[in-house]
Amino acid sequence: MVKYLKKDSNYKSVTSEVNNVDITVKTVTGETIFYELKTCDVKNAIRLAIGQLLEYCHYHDKSKANKLVIVTKYKPSKINISYIQNIRSLYKIPIYYQQFDMTKNQLSILY
């Protein structure tokens, strides 16, 4: 996925495993995006990744991120999409989900 992200001209830098964050992206517009990669199903990935991403984003002396993205290889169901949207809306957390299709080497839209 790092190789895939490095090909995006909107990204100024793409690094992996810095301060425990799986992937950190700096965009040309100055945004910072943290990606947390999980191998489990979508619901469990959301459950596990939220705490990690919040820690990486807000714990003392950590850099903040504009977007927190959970990534698995699985396509989200309508319920999964609704769940992540409700969390984002209810708690005002910039948290999203994306599927990375490893056979097509393609990242889905941001849910």
Protein backbone atom coordinates (compact mmCIF):
# COMPACT_ATOMS: atom_id res chain seq x y z
CA MET A 1 0.00 0.00 0.00
CA VAL A 2 2.92 2.36 0.63
CA LYS A 3 4.04 1.93 -2.99
CA TYR A 4 0.48 2.62 -4.14
CA LEU A 5 0.22 5.82 -2.07
CA LYS A 6 3.63 7.08 -3.20
CA LYS A 7 2.33 7.14 -6.78
CA ASP A 8 -0.35 9.72 -5.86
CA SER A 9 0.74 13.18 -6.96
CA ASN A 10 -1.44 14.76 -4.24
CA TYR A 11 0.86 13.30 -1.60
CA LYS A 12 4.06 15.13 -0.70
CA SER A 13 5.41 12.34 1.51
CA VAL A 14 4.44 8.80 2.49
CA THR A 15 6.18 7.12 5.43
CA SER A 16 5.59 3.88 7.29
CA GLU A 17 6.01 2.90 10.93
CA VAL A 18 6.86 6.35 12.28
CA ASN A 19 5.74 6.78 15.92
CA ASN A 20 3.84 3.47 15.61
CA VAL A 21 1.56 4.79 12.84
CA ASP A 22 1.30 2.21 10.06
CA ILE A 23 1.35 4.84 7.29
CA THR A 24 1.56 8.63 7.53
CA VAL A 25 0.81 10.78 4.51
CA LYS A 26 1.49 14.48 4.11
CA THR A 27 -0.52 16.00 1.27
CA VAL A 28 0.52 18.86 -0.98
CA THR A 29 -2.22 20.95 0.67
CA GLY A 30 -0.71 20.44 4.13
CA GLU A 31 -3.04 17.75 5.46
CA THR A 32 -1.73 14.83 7.49
CA ILE A 33 -3.44 11.45 7.15
CA PHE A 34 -2.83 8.46 9.43
CA TYR A 35 -3.61 5.01 8.01
CA GLU A 36 -4.08 2.04 10.33
CA LEU A 37 -3.93 -1.31 8.50
CA LYS A 38 -5.82 -4.30 9.84
CA THR A 39 -6.14 -7.90 8.65
CA CYS A 40 -9.44 -8.72 10.38
CA ASP A 41 -12.99 -8.11 9.17
CA VAL A 42 -14.31 -4.55 8.85
CA LYS A 43 -16.29 -4.38 12.13
CA ASN A 44 -13.38 -5.70 14.21
CA ALA A 45 -10.92 -3.50 12.34
CA ILE A 46 -12.93 -0.42 13.25
CA ARG A 47 -13.13 -1.57 16.87
CA LEU A 48 -9.39 -2.21 17.13
CA ALA A 49 -8.13 0.74 15.12
CA ILE A 50 -10.11 3.58 16.71
CA GLY A 51 -8.15 3.50 19.97
CA GLN A 52 -4.83 3.24 18.19
CA LEU A 53 -5.57 6.11 15.82
CA LEU A 54 -6.83 8.36 18.61
CA GLU A 55 -3.68 7.66 20.61
CA TYR A 56 -1.41 8.37 17.65
CA CYS A 57 -3.28 11.57 16.90
CA HIS A 58 -3.77 13.00 20.39
CA TYR A 59 -1.36 11.45 22.88
CA HIS A 60 1.23 13.81 24.39
CA ASP A 61 3.91 14.98 21.98
CA LYS A 62 2.34 13.20 19.03
CA SER A 63 1.62 14.89 15.73
CA LYS A 64 -2.01 15.50 14.98
CA ALA A 65 -3.69 14.24 11.83
CA ASN A 66 -6.51 15.71 9.78
CA LYS A 67 -7.86 12.30 8.78
CA LEU A 68 -7.70 8.90 10.45
CA VAL A 69 -8.23 6.04 8.02
CA ILE A 70 -8.78 2.37 8.82
CA VAL A 71 -7.83 0.02 5.98
CA THR A 72 -8.51 -3.66 5.38
CA LYS A 73 -8.76 -5.84 2.30
CA TYR A 74 -12.50 -6.29 2.86
CA LYS A 75 -15.33 -4.42 1.19
CA PRO A 76 -17.54 -2.73 3.79
CA SER A 77 -21.23 -3.61 4.06
CA LYS A 78 -23.92 -0.94 4.26
CA ILE A 79 -24.03 -1.53 8.01
CA ASN A 80 -20.23 -1.04 8.27
CA ILE A 81 -20.44 2.19 6.29
CA SER A 82 -23.30 3.47 8.42
CA TYR A 83 -21.39 2.53 11.58
CA ILE A 84 -18.24 4.49 10.63
CA GLN A 85 -20.34 7.46 9.47
CA ASN A 86 -22.26 7.47 12.76
CA ILE A 87 -19.05 7.41 14.79
CA ARG A 88 -17.64 10.27 12.72
CA SER A 89 -20.80 12.34 13.07
CA LEU A 90 -21.66 11.59 16.70
CA TYR A 91 -18.17 12.07 18.14
CA LYS A 92 -16.84 14.59 15.58
CA ILE A 93 -13.82 12.40 14.86
CA PRO A 94 -12.35 12.55 11.34
CA ILE A 95 -12.34 8.76 11.04
CA TYR A 96 -12.86 6.92 7.76
CA TYR A 97 -12.63 3.48 6.23
CA GLN A 98 -11.08 2.30 2.98
CA GLN A 99 -10.69 -1.07 1.34
CA PHE A 100 -7.37 -1.91 -0.29
CA ASP A 101 -7.79 -4.50 -3.02
CA MET A 102 -4.43 -6.25 -3.10
CA THR A 103 -5.11 -8.11 -6.36
CA LYS A 104 -6.00 -4.91 -8.23
CA ASN A 105 -3.59 -2.77 -6.17
CA GLN A 106 -6.38 -0.25 -5.70
CA LEU A 107 -7.74 1.79 -2.79
CA SER A 108 -11.49 2.31 -2.54
CA ILE A 109 -13.29 5.57 -1.99
CA LEU A 110 -13.21 7.06 1.48
CA TYR A 111 -16.20 5.83 3.51
